[in-house]
Amino acid sequence: MTQISISKATRSLSMLIREAAAGERVVLTAGRRKIPAAELVAIKPKVTKRLGVIETPGFRLPADFFEPFPNVE
């Protein structure tokens, strides 16, 4: 867990965001007593589900898709 004052956090915000994205707990403190005031939490990316090949960009059926299979013996 990382605890950092708000004034120091403004100078190193990008580093703190990387730590939070990596799963580290980042707590921002306020005042001389370093009272916890806020916590940086990473937002989990929204995963979109595809319905199938219809939703896949650039997907095309091959020309022989509907042709019957050859007889194999």
N, C-alpha and C. Protein backbone atom coordinates (compact mmCIF):
# COMPACT_ATOMS: atom_id res chain seq x y z
N MET A 1 0.85 -1.18 0.00
CA MET A 1 0.00 0.00 0.00
C MET A 1 0.89 1.24 0.00
N THR A 2 0.56 2.17 -0.85
CA THR A 2 1.28 3.42 -0.95
C THR A 2 0.44 4.53 -0.34
N GLN A 3 1.03 5.28 0.60
CA GLN A 3 0.37 6.45 1.15
C GLN A 3 1.19 7.67 0.75
N ILE A 4 0.52 8.66 0.21
CA ILE A 4 1.21 9.86 -0.26
C ILE A 4 0.31 11.06 -0.03
N SER A 5 0.93 12.20 0.29
CA SER A 5 0.15 13.42 0.51
C SER A 5 -0.40 13.92 -0.81
N ILE A 6 -1.47 14.67 -0.71
CA ILE A 6 -2.11 15.18 -1.93
C ILE A 6 -1.17 16.10 -2.69
N SER A 7 -0.39 16.91 -2.00
CA SER A 7 0.53 17.83 -2.69
C SER A 7 1.61 17.07 -3.44
N LYS A 8 2.12 15.99 -2.87
CA LYS A 8 3.13 15.19 -3.57
C LYS A 8 2.49 14.37 -4.70
N ALA A 9 1.24 13.98 -4.51
CA ALA A 9 0.54 13.19 -5.52
C ALA A 9 0.31 13.98 -6.80
N THR A 10 0.14 15.29 -6.68
CA THR A 10 -0.07 16.10 -7.88
C THR A 10 1.18 16.12 -8.75
N ARG A 11 2.35 15.97 -8.14
CA ARG A 11 3.61 15.98 -8.90
C ARG A 11 3.91 14.63 -9.53
N SER A 12 3.36 13.56 -8.97
CA SER A 12 3.68 12.22 -9.47
C SER A 12 2.42 11.42 -9.79
N LEU A 13 1.45 12.09 -10.36
CA LEU A 13 0.16 11.46 -10.61
C LEU A 13 0.26 10.30 -11.60
N SER A 14 1.01 10.45 -12.67
CA SER A 14 1.10 9.39 -13.67
C SER A 14 1.72 8.12 -13.07
N MET A 15 2.72 8.27 -12.20
CA MET A 15 3.32 7.12 -11.54
C MET A 15 2.31 6.43 -10.62
N LEU A 16 1.53 7.22 -9.90
CA LEU A 16 0.53 6.65 -9.00
C LEU A 16 -0.57 5.94 -9.76
N ILE A 17 -0.94 6.46 -10.91
CA ILE A 17 -1.95 5.81 -11.73
C ILE A 17 -1.44 4.46 -12.24
N ARG A 18 -0.17 4.41 -12.65
CA ARG A 18 0.42 3.13 -13.08
C ARG A 18 0.42 2.12 -11.93
N GLU A 19 0.73 2.57 -10.72
CA GLU A 19 0.72 1.67 -9.56
C GLU A 19 -0.69 1.15 -9.30
N ALA A 20 -1.69 2.04 -9.37
CA ALA A 20 -3.07 1.62 -9.14
C ALA A 20 -3.53 0.64 -10.22
N ALA A 21 -3.12 0.88 -11.46
CA ALA A 21 -3.49 -0.01 -12.56
C ALA A 21 -2.86 -1.38 -12.39
N ALA A 22 -1.70 -1.43 -11.73
CA ALA A 22 -1.03 -2.71 -11.49
C ALA A 22 -1.61 -3.45 -10.28
N GLY A 23 -2.59 -2.84 -9.61
CA GLY A 23 -3.23 -3.51 -8.48
C GLY A 23 -2.78 -3.02 -7.12
N GLU A 24 -1.87 -2.07 -7.10
CA GLU A 24 -1.38 -1.50 -5.84
C GLU A 24 -2.45 -0.58 -5.25
N ARG A 25 -2.57 -0.59 -3.93
CA ARG A 25 -3.51 0.31 -3.26
C ARG A 25 -2.79 1.64 -3.03
N VAL A 26 -3.38 2.72 -3.50
CA VAL A 26 -2.78 4.06 -3.37
C VAL A 26 -3.74 4.93 -2.57
N VAL A 27 -3.28 5.40 -1.40
CA VAL A 27 -4.11 6.22 -0.52
C VAL A 27 -3.53 7.63 -0.49
N LEU A 28 -4.37 8.62 -0.73
CA LEU A 28 -3.96 10.02 -0.66
C LEU A 28 -4.29 10.55 0.72
N THR A 29 -3.32 11.21 1.34
CA THR A 29 -3.51 11.72 2.69
C THR A 29 -3.56 13.24 2.66
N ALA A 30 -4.21 13.82 3.68
CA ALA A 30 -4.37 15.26 3.75
C ALA A 30 -3.93 15.77 5.12
N GLY A 31 -3.41 16.98 5.12
CA GLY A 31 -3.06 17.65 6.35
C GLY A 31 -1.76 17.16 6.97
N ARG A 32 -1.39 17.80 8.06
CA ARG A 32 -0.15 17.43 8.77
C ARG A 32 -0.25 16.07 9.43
N ARG A 33 -1.46 15.71 9.79
CA ARG A 33 -1.65 14.41 10.47
C ARG A 33 -1.73 13.25 9.50
N LYS A 34 -1.68 13.58 8.21
CA LYS A 34 -1.74 12.57 7.15
C LYS A 34 -2.97 11.68 7.28
N ILE A 35 -4.11 12.32 7.37
CA ILE A 35 -5.38 11.62 7.47
C ILE A 35 -5.76 11.12 6.08
N PRO A 36 -6.10 9.82 5.93
CA PRO A 36 -6.51 9.30 4.62
C PRO A 36 -7.73 10.07 4.10
N ALA A 37 -7.61 10.59 2.88
CA ALA A 37 -8.67 11.39 2.30
C ALA A 37 -9.29 10.75 1.08
N ALA A 38 -8.49 10.02 0.31
CA ALA A 38 -9.00 9.42 -0.92
C ALA A 38 -8.14 8.22 -1.28
N GLU A 39 -8.68 7.41 -2.17
CA GLU A 39 -7.95 6.23 -2.63
C GLU A 39 -8.05 6.16 -4.15
N LEU A 40 -6.91 5.89 -4.80
CA LEU A 40 -6.91 5.70 -6.25
C LEU A 40 -7.21 4.24 -6.54
N VAL A 41 -8.19 4.02 -7.38
CA VAL A 41 -8.59 2.66 -7.74
C VAL A 41 -8.62 2.56 -9.25
N ALA A 42 -8.04 1.50 -9.79
CA ALA A 42 -8.04 1.30 -11.23
C ALA A 42 -9.43 0.90 -11.71
N ILE A 43 -9.80 1.38 -12.87
CA ILE A 43 -11.07 1.01 -13.49
C ILE A 43 -10.81 -0.19 -14.38
N LYS A 44 -11.58 -1.22 -14.19
CA LYS A 44 -11.43 -2.41 -15.02
C LYS A 44 -12.03 -2.15 -16.39
N PRO A 45 -11.30 -2.50 -17.45
CA PRO A 45 -11.83 -2.24 -18.79
C PRO A 45 -13.09 -3.04 -19.06
N LYS A 46 -14.02 -2.42 -19.74
CA LYS A 46 -15.27 -3.08 -20.08
C LYS A 46 -15.01 -4.08 -21.21
N VAL A 47 -15.36 -5.31 -20.98
CA VAL A 47 -15.16 -6.36 -21.98
C VAL A 47 -16.46 -6.52 -22.76
N THR A 48 -16.37 -6.36 -24.05
CA THR A 48 -17.55 -6.54 -24.88
C THR A 48 -17.53 -7.94 -25.47
N LYS A 49 -18.65 -8.58 -25.42
CA LYS A 49 -18.77 -9.93 -25.97
C LYS A 49 -19.28 -9.85 -27.40
N ARG A 50 -18.72 -10.67 -28.22
CA ARG A 50 -19.18 -10.74 -29.60
C ARG A 50 -20.25 -11.82 -29.71
N LEU A 51 -21.17 -11.61 -30.61
CA LEU A 51 -22.25 -12.56 -30.79
C LEU A 51 -21.85 -13.70 -31.72
N GLY A 52 -20.77 -13.56 -32.41
CA GLY A 52 -20.33 -14.59 -33.34
C GLY A 52 -19.54 -13.97 -34.47
N VAL A 53 -19.40 -14.70 -35.55
CA VAL A 53 -18.60 -14.21 -36.66
C VAL A 53 -19.24 -13.02 -37.36
N ILE A 54 -20.53 -12.85 -37.21
CA ILE A 54 -21.21 -11.73 -37.85
C ILE A 54 -20.68 -10.40 -37.31
N GLU A 55 -20.35 -10.37 -36.02
CA GLU A 55 -19.87 -9.15 -35.39
C GLU A 55 -18.37 -8.94 -35.54
N THR A 56 -17.65 -9.91 -36.10
CA THR A 56 -16.20 -9.80 -36.24
C THR A 56 -15.88 -8.97 -37.47
N PRO A 57 -15.19 -7.84 -37.29
CA PRO A 57 -14.87 -7.00 -38.45
C PRO A 57 -13.94 -7.72 -39.42
N GLY A 58 -14.23 -7.60 -40.70
CA GLY A 58 -13.37 -8.17 -41.72
C GLY A 58 -13.58 -9.65 -41.99
N PHE A 59 -14.53 -10.29 -41.32
CA PHE A 59 -14.75 -11.72 -41.53
C PHE A 59 -15.55 -11.93 -42.81
N ARG A 60 -15.10 -12.87 -43.64
CA ARG A 60 -15.82 -13.22 -44.87
C ARG A 60 -15.82 -14.74 -45.02
N LEU A 61 -16.93 -15.26 -45.50
CA LEU A 61 -17.01 -16.69 -45.76
C LEU A 61 -16.22 -17.01 -47.02
N PRO A 62 -15.51 -18.14 -47.04
CA PRO A 62 -14.81 -18.52 -48.27
C PRO A 62 -15.81 -18.85 -49.37
N ALA A 63 -15.37 -18.76 -50.61
CA ALA A 63 -16.25 -18.98 -51.76
C ALA A 63 -16.80 -20.39 -51.79
N ASP A 64 -16.06 -21.38 -51.31
CA ASP A 64 -16.51 -22.78 -51.34
C ASP A 64 -17.18 -23.22 -50.04
N PHE A 65 -17.64 -22.29 -49.24
CA PHE A 65 -18.22 -22.63 -47.95
C PHE A 65 -19.46 -23.53 -48.07
N PHE A 66 -20.32 -23.27 -49.05
CA PHE A 66 -21.56 -24.02 -49.20
C PHE A 66 -21.42 -25.23 -50.11
N GLU A 67 -20.23 -25.49 -50.62
CA GLU A 67 -20.00 -26.66 -51.47
C GLU A 67 -20.01 -27.93 -50.60
N PRO A 68 -20.52 -29.05 -51.13
CA PRO A 68 -20.52 -30.30 -50.35
C PRO A 68 -19.08 -30.81 -50.15
N PHE A 69 -18.91 -31.56 -49.08
CA PHE A 69 -17.61 -32.16 -48.79
C PHE A 69 -17.30 -33.25 -49.83
N PRO A 70 -16.06 -33.44 -50.18
CA PRO A 70 -15.71 -34.52 -51.12
C PRO A 70 -15.86 -35.86 -50.43
N ASN A 71 -16.20 -36.89 -51.22
CA ASN A 71 -16.33 -38.23 -50.64
C ASN A 71 -14.93 -38.77 -50.37
N VAL A 72 -14.70 -39.16 -49.15
CA VAL A 72 -13.40 -39.68 -48.76
C VAL A 72 -13.61 -41.12 -48.31
N GLU A 73 -12.86 -42.03 -48.92
CA GLU A 73 -13.00 -43.43 -48.53
C GLU A 73 -11.69 -44.01 -48.11
